[in-house]
Each structure stands twice: as C-alpha cells, then as structure tokens.
Amino acid sequence: MKKGLNVIQIKGVSGIIYIAFIGCCLVAGFGWFPAWSCMKLWNVLAHYVEQIPSIGIFQGFLLWGIIAGSYFTFRKEKLVVCMRAEEGLTEDELREVFANMKAQAINDKILKNMFKAQKAEFKIKNLSQSNIPGVNIDDAKNASLENGNNNPDNVQTK
C-alpha cells in the first residue's frame, strides 16, 4: 500500500452519523449560510428601496448561486481541476513482475496440463479440417487422452 494514503472507513452507526454530520456541515457552510446571508442583505436593501420585493430562503439560494457562478465565470484566474492517475510501475518493476509470473507459471502443474490439452485440441481441430486421406481422427483423440484427461467421454470434436 502507498504510504501517506488516508483511508476513511465507515464502521457501524457511528460512521453513518459521522458522514451525516459532515454532509450537514458542508450543506450549511456552502449552501444555507451564504443563501441566508444573501437573503438578509437583499431584504435590508429592499427595505430602503421601495420597488424591490423581499425574498425568501429559496430565492436566497438562487441569488447565492448567481453570485458564485458569476465569480467563477468572470474572474481573471481560471479554475483548473487536474485529475491524474498515480504513476504506474517503472520498466524494471514491470520486468520483475512478469519474471515472477513466468516463474510461477513454469512450476504450475495445472497450467502445464492446460497447455498440453490446448495443443492436443488444436491438433484434433486441424486434422478434422484437413480431411487428409489415411489419417484417422480417433487416433489423434487417443493421443490427446494420453496427454490430458483420461476420460474418453469428455473428448469433444467439432
């Protein structure tokens, strides 16, 4: 695992309460409070100017959205969000991983038997497609049974 990686684990009811608390704080801090402030400021201005109607909290949310959107749209510095993946393995690390995989595959008996069975299947398929006179496909099936599965009922031809 990477060092310096922070993982937040949600365990049980206390974790759910913790997440709900964080969500409420984010909604209140970035949504409700600025909207409430915009509403109050607008209503104070509306008190002094007779033709401006007073607004409620929903209109305060809309006003706050307009102000925040305008700020991000018209400011001189552009907002840049960079998302990148962690750097992968180096060439030497990849070579080491593949060398370990190859060493494990060489020693694996199941993989050896699978490769033998696959080679025998390809031979049977090629013989059946070639229709060479004097070559019996049943002989090839018997030879493949010696390399792989010893049950003749499991041999399938196409």
C-alpha atoms as a PDB file:
ATOM      1  CA  MET A   1       0.000   0.000   0.000  1.00  0.00           C
ATOM      2  CA  LYS A   2       1.098   3.545  -0.670  1.00  0.00           C
ATOM      3  CA  LYS A   3       2.456   5.492   2.259  1.00  0.00           C
ATOM      4  CA  GLY A   4       0.646   8.695   3.154  1.00  0.00           C
ATOM      5  CA  LEU A   5      -2.678   7.405   1.818  1.00  0.00           C
ATOM      6  CA  ASN A   6      -5.549   8.293   4.108  1.00  0.00           C
ATOM      7  CA  VAL A   7      -8.471   5.903   4.142  1.00  0.00           C
ATOM      8  CA  ILE A   8     -11.753   6.744   5.816  1.00  0.00           C
ATOM      9  CA  GLN A   9     -13.604   3.682   6.992  1.00  0.00           C
ATOM     10  CA  ILE A  10     -17.271   3.835   7.849  1.00  0.00           C
ATOM     11  CA  LYS A  11     -17.988   1.321  10.568  1.00  0.00           C
ATOM     12  CA  GLY A  12     -21.426   0.904  12.039  1.00  0.00           C
ATOM     13  CA  VAL A  13     -23.911   3.504  13.131  1.00  0.00           C
ATOM     14  CA  SER A  14     -21.249   5.896  14.426  1.00  0.00           C
ATOM     15  CA  GLY A  15     -19.664   6.049  10.957  1.00  0.00           C
ATOM     16  CA  ILE A  16     -23.013   6.804   9.338  1.00  0.00           C
ATOM     17  CA  ILE A  17     -23.675   9.536  11.901  1.00  0.00           C
ATOM     18  CA  TYR A  18     -20.202  10.942  11.214  1.00  0.00           C
ATOM     19  CA  ILE A  19     -20.856  11.067   7.454  1.00  0.00           C
ATOM     20  CA  ALA A  20     -24.274  12.682   8.036  1.00  0.00           C
ATOM     21  CA  PHE A  21     -22.627  15.311  10.273  1.00  0.00           C
ATOM     22  CA  ILE A  22     -20.019  16.101   7.604  1.00  0.00           C
ATOM     23  CA  GLY A  23     -22.752  16.355   4.955  1.00  0.00           C
ATOM     24  CA  CYS A  24     -24.821  18.704   7.114  1.00  0.00           C
ATOM     25  CA  CYS A  25     -21.779  20.892   7.783  1.00  0.00           C
ATOM     26  CA  LEU A  26     -20.986  21.110   4.071  1.00  0.00           C
ATOM     27  CA  VAL A  27     -24.579  21.960   3.169  1.00  0.00           C
ATOM     28  CA  ALA A  28     -24.796  24.558   5.932  1.00  0.00           C
ATOM     29  CA  GLY A  29     -21.364  26.067   5.274  1.00  0.00           C
ATOM     30  CA  PHE A  30     -21.521  26.257   1.494  1.00  0.00           C
ATOM     31  CA  GLY A  31     -25.262  26.450   0.922  1.00  0.00           C
ATOM     32  CA  TRP A  32     -27.592  27.507   3.674  1.00  0.00           C
ATOM     33  CA  PHE A  33     -25.488  30.159   5.435  1.00  0.00           C
ATOM     34  CA  PRO A  34     -24.436  32.041   2.279  1.00  0.00           C
ATOM     35  CA  ALA A  35     -28.028  31.819   0.979  1.00  0.00           C
ATOM     36  CA  TRP A  36     -29.389  33.101   4.310  1.00  0.00           C
ATOM     37  CA  SER A  37     -26.820  35.935   4.255  1.00  0.00           C
ATOM     38  CA  CYS A  38     -27.771  36.889   0.678  1.00  0.00           C
ATOM     39  CA  MET A  39     -31.462  36.828   1.637  1.00  0.00           C
ATOM     40  CA  LYS A  40     -30.908  39.097   4.670  1.00  0.00           C
ATOM     41  CA  LEU A  41     -28.712  41.519   2.708  1.00  0.00           C
ATOM     42  CA  TRP A  42     -31.263  41.665  -0.120  1.00  0.00           C
ATOM     43  CA  ASN A  43     -34.134  42.243   2.293  1.00  0.00           C
ATOM     44  CA  VAL A  44     -32.231  45.065   4.042  1.00  0.00           C
ATOM     45  CA  LEU A  45     -31.700  46.714   0.646  1.00  0.00           C
ATOM     46  CA  ALA A  46     -35.343  46.085  -0.241  1.00  0.00           C
ATOM     47  CA  HIS A  47     -36.395  47.944   2.929  1.00  0.00           C
ATOM     48  CA  TYR A  48     -34.619  51.108   1.740  1.00  0.00           C
ATOM     49  CA  VAL A  49     -35.696  50.866  -1.930  1.00  0.00           C
ATOM     50  CA  GLU A  50     -39.460  50.711  -2.282  1.00  0.00           C
ATOM     51  CA  GLN A  51     -39.719  48.907  -5.627  1.00  0.00           C
ATOM     52  CA  ILE A  52     -37.572  45.856  -4.730  1.00  0.00           C
ATOM     53  CA  PRO A  53     -39.580  42.986  -3.257  1.00  0.00           C
ATOM     54  CA  SER A  54     -38.298  40.986  -0.308  1.00  0.00           C
ATOM     55  CA  ILE A  55     -37.155  37.401  -0.927  1.00  0.00           C
ATOM     56  CA  GLY A  56     -37.243  34.094   0.940  1.00  0.00           C
ATOM     57  CA  ILE A  57     -34.588  31.460   1.567  1.00  0.00           C
ATOM     58  CA  PHE A  58     -35.158  29.715  -1.799  1.00  0.00           C
ATOM     59  CA  GLN A  59     -34.542  32.971  -3.661  1.00  0.00           C
ATOM     60  CA  GLY A  60     -31.510  33.450  -1.396  1.00  0.00           C
ATOM     61  CA  PHE A  61     -30.163  30.105  -2.655  1.00  0.00           C
ATOM     62  CA  LEU A  62     -30.725  31.258  -6.230  1.00  0.00           C
ATOM     63  CA  LEU A  63     -29.032  34.600  -5.559  1.00  0.00           C
ATOM     64  CA  TRP A  64     -26.087  32.836  -3.918  1.00  0.00           C
ATOM     65  CA  GLY A  65     -25.801  30.515  -6.957  1.00  0.00           C
ATOM     66  CA  ILE A  66     -25.777  33.511  -9.295  1.00  0.00           C
ATOM     67  CA  ILE A  67     -23.065  35.236  -7.256  1.00  0.00           C
ATOM     68  CA  ALA A  68     -20.878  32.110  -7.011  1.00  0.00           C
ATOM     69  CA  GLY A  69     -21.361  31.236 -10.695  1.00  0.00           C
ATOM     70  CA  SER A  70     -20.525  34.794 -11.752  1.00  0.00           C
ATOM     71  CA  TYR A  71     -17.396  34.785  -9.626  1.00  0.00           C
ATOM     72  CA  PHE A  72     -16.058  31.581 -11.179  1.00  0.00           C
ATOM     73  CA  THR A  73     -17.056  32.676 -14.690  1.00  0.00           C
ATOM     74  CA  PHE A  74     -15.637  36.198 -14.739  1.00  0.00           C
ATOM     75  CA  ARG A  75     -12.550  36.063 -12.565  1.00  0.00           C
ATOM     76  CA  LYS A  76      -9.175  36.547 -14.261  1.00  0.00           C
ATOM     77  CA  GLU A  77      -7.548  33.392 -12.964  1.00  0.00           C
ATOM     78  CA  LYS A  78      -9.144  30.337 -14.480  1.00  0.00           C
ATOM     79  CA  LEU A  79     -10.202  27.450 -12.284  1.00  0.00           C
ATOM     80  CA  VAL A  80      -8.266  24.382 -13.325  1.00  0.00           C
ATOM     81  CA  VAL A  81      -9.109  20.951 -11.977  1.00  0.00           C
ATOM     82  CA  CYS A  82      -6.445  18.350 -12.660  1.00  0.00           C
ATOM     83  CA  MET A  83      -7.183  14.703 -12.238  1.00  0.00           C
ATOM     84  CA  ARG A  84      -4.426  12.226 -12.861  1.00  0.00           C
ATOM     85  CA  ALA A  85      -3.773   8.658 -12.053  1.00  0.00           C
ATOM     86  CA  GLU A  86      -0.938   7.560  -9.863  1.00  0.00           C
ATOM     87  CA  GLU A  87       2.218   6.811 -11.754  1.00  0.00           C
ATOM     88  CA  GLY A  88       2.475   3.175 -12.676  1.00  0.00           C
ATOM     89  CA  LEU A  89       5.345   0.803 -12.286  1.00  0.00           C
ATOM     90  CA  THR A  90       8.697   1.550 -13.850  1.00  0.00           C
ATOM     91  CA  GLU A  91      10.106  -0.630 -16.618  1.00  0.00           C
ATOM     92  CA  ASP A  92      12.338  -2.539 -14.202  1.00  0.00           C
ATOM     93  CA  GLU A  93       9.459  -3.196 -11.806  1.00  0.00           C
ATOM     94  CA  LEU A  94       7.287  -4.450 -14.669  1.00  0.00           C
ATOM     95  CA  ARG A  95      10.040  -6.786 -15.861  1.00  0.00           C
ATOM     96  CA  GLU A  96      10.412  -8.135 -12.321  1.00  0.00           C
ATOM     97  CA  VAL A  97       6.654  -8.749 -12.012  1.00  0.00           C
ATOM     98  CA  PHE A  98       6.490 -10.534 -15.366  1.00  0.00           C
ATOM     99  CA  ALA A  99       9.556 -12.622 -14.494  1.00  0.00           C
ATOM    100  CA  ASN A 100       7.875 -13.711 -11.244  1.00  0.00           C
ATOM    101  CA  MET A 101       4.667 -14.570 -13.116  1.00  0.00           C
ATOM    102  CA  LYS A 102       6.594 -16.592 -15.684  1.00  0.00           C
ATOM    103  CA  ALA A 103       8.496 -18.486 -12.958  1.00  0.00           C
ATOM    104  CA  GLN A 104       5.243 -19.328 -11.203  1.00  0.00           C
ATOM    105  CA  ALA A 105       3.614 -20.417 -14.474  1.00  0.00           C
ATOM    106  CA  ILE A 106       6.502 -22.750 -15.314  1.00  0.00           C
ATOM    107  CA  ASN A 107       6.171 -24.556 -11.988  1.00  0.00           C
ATOM    108  CA  ASP A 108       2.376 -24.794 -12.067  1.00  0.00           C
ATOM    109  CA  LYS A 109       1.213 -28.324 -12.954  1.00  0.00           C
ATOM    110  CA  ILE A 110      -2.327 -27.244 -13.744  1.00  0.00           C
ATOM    111  CA  LEU A 111      -1.132 -24.723 -16.325  1.00  0.00           C
ATOM    112  CA  LYS A 112       1.164 -27.330 -17.889  1.00  0.00           C
ATOM    113  CA  ASN A 113      -1.745 -29.739 -18.288  1.00  0.00           C
ATOM    114  CA  MET A 114      -3.956 -26.985 -19.674  1.00  0.00           C
ATOM    115  CA  PHE A 115      -1.342 -26.105 -22.312  1.00  0.00           C
ATOM    116  CA  LYS A 116      -0.959 -29.776 -23.264  1.00  0.00           C
ATOM    117  CA  ALA A 117      -4.722 -30.164 -23.605  1.00  0.00           C
ATOM    118  CA  GLN A 118      -4.931 -26.993 -25.684  1.00  0.00           C
ATOM    119  CA  LYS A 119      -2.184 -28.205 -28.047  1.00  0.00           C
ATOM    120  CA  ALA A 120      -3.938 -31.556 -28.434  1.00  0.00           C
ATOM    121  CA  GLU A 121      -7.241 -29.817 -29.148  1.00  0.00           C
ATOM    122  CA  PHE A 122      -5.621 -27.694 -31.855  1.00  0.00           C
ATOM    123  CA  LYS A 123      -4.110 -30.810 -33.426  1.00  0.00           C
ATOM    124  CA  ILE A 124      -7.507 -32.553 -33.485  1.00  0.00           C
ATOM    125  CA  LYS A 125      -9.171 -29.465 -34.927  1.00  0.00           C
ATOM    126  CA  ASN A 126      -6.545 -29.108 -37.657  1.00  0.00           C
ATOM    127  CA  LEU A 127      -6.752 -32.818 -38.539  1.00  0.00           C
ATOM    128  CA  SER A 128     -10.528 -32.747 -38.738  1.00  0.00           C
ATOM    129  CA  GLN A 129     -10.456 -29.701 -41.007  1.00  0.00           C
ATOM    130  CA  SER A 130      -7.737 -31.005 -43.316  1.00  0.00           C
ATOM    131  CA  ASN A 131      -9.516 -34.279 -44.318  1.00  0.00           C
ATOM    132  CA  ILE A 132      -6.236 -35.997 -45.151  1.00  0.00           C
ATOM    133  CA  PRO A 133      -6.790 -39.495 -46.520  1.00  0.00           C
ATOM    134  CA  GLY A 134      -5.316 -42.239 -44.367  1.00  0.00           C
ATOM    135  CA  VAL A 135      -5.374 -40.144 -41.133  1.00  0.00           C
ATOM    136  CA  ASN A 136      -7.851 -41.338 -38.544  1.00  0.00           C
ATOM    137  CA  ILE A 137      -9.122 -38.668 -36.133  1.00  0.00           C
ATOM    138  CA  ASP A 138      -9.777 -41.314 -33.469  1.00  0.00           C
ATOM    139  CA  ASP A 139      -6.011 -41.958 -33.282  1.00  0.00           C
ATOM    140  CA  ALA A 140      -5.446 -38.263 -32.544  1.00  0.00           C
ATOM    141  CA  LYS A 141      -8.156 -38.356 -29.873  1.00  0.00           C
ATOM    142  CA  ASN A 142      -6.466 -41.300 -28.176  1.00  0.00           C
ATOM    143  CA  ALA A 143      -3.121 -39.487 -28.285  1.00  0.00           C
ATOM    144  CA  SER A 144      -4.670 -36.399 -26.705  1.00  0.00           C
ATOM    145  CA  LEU A 145      -6.178 -38.533 -23.949  1.00  0.00           C
ATOM    146  CA  GLU A 146      -2.716 -39.735 -23.010  1.00  0.00           C
ATOM    147  CA  ASN A 147      -1.576 -36.106 -22.542  1.00  0.00           C
ATOM    148  CA  GLY A 148      -4.567 -34.778 -20.697  1.00  0.00           C
ATOM    149  CA  ASN A 149      -7.850 -36.132 -19.459  1.00  0.00           C
ATOM    150  CA  ASN A 150      -8.138 -39.938 -19.366  1.00  0.00           C
ATOM    151  CA  ASN A 151     -11.914 -39.999 -19.709  1.00  0.00           C
ATOM    152  CA  PRO A 152     -12.901 -40.545 -23.383  1.00  0.00           C
ATOM    153  CA  ASP A 153     -16.424 -39.262 -22.698  1.00  0.00           C
ATOM    154  CA  ASN A 154     -15.091 -35.726 -22.183  1.00  0.00           C
ATOM    155  CA  VAL A 155     -13.477 -35.507 -25.651  1.00  0.00           C
ATOM    156  CA  GLN A 156     -15.400 -33.222 -27.947  1.00  0.00           C
ATOM    157  CA  THR A 157     -14.953 -32.780 -31.667  1.00  0.00           C
ATOM    158  CA  LYS A 158     -16.344 -30.035 -33.805  1.00  0.00           C
END
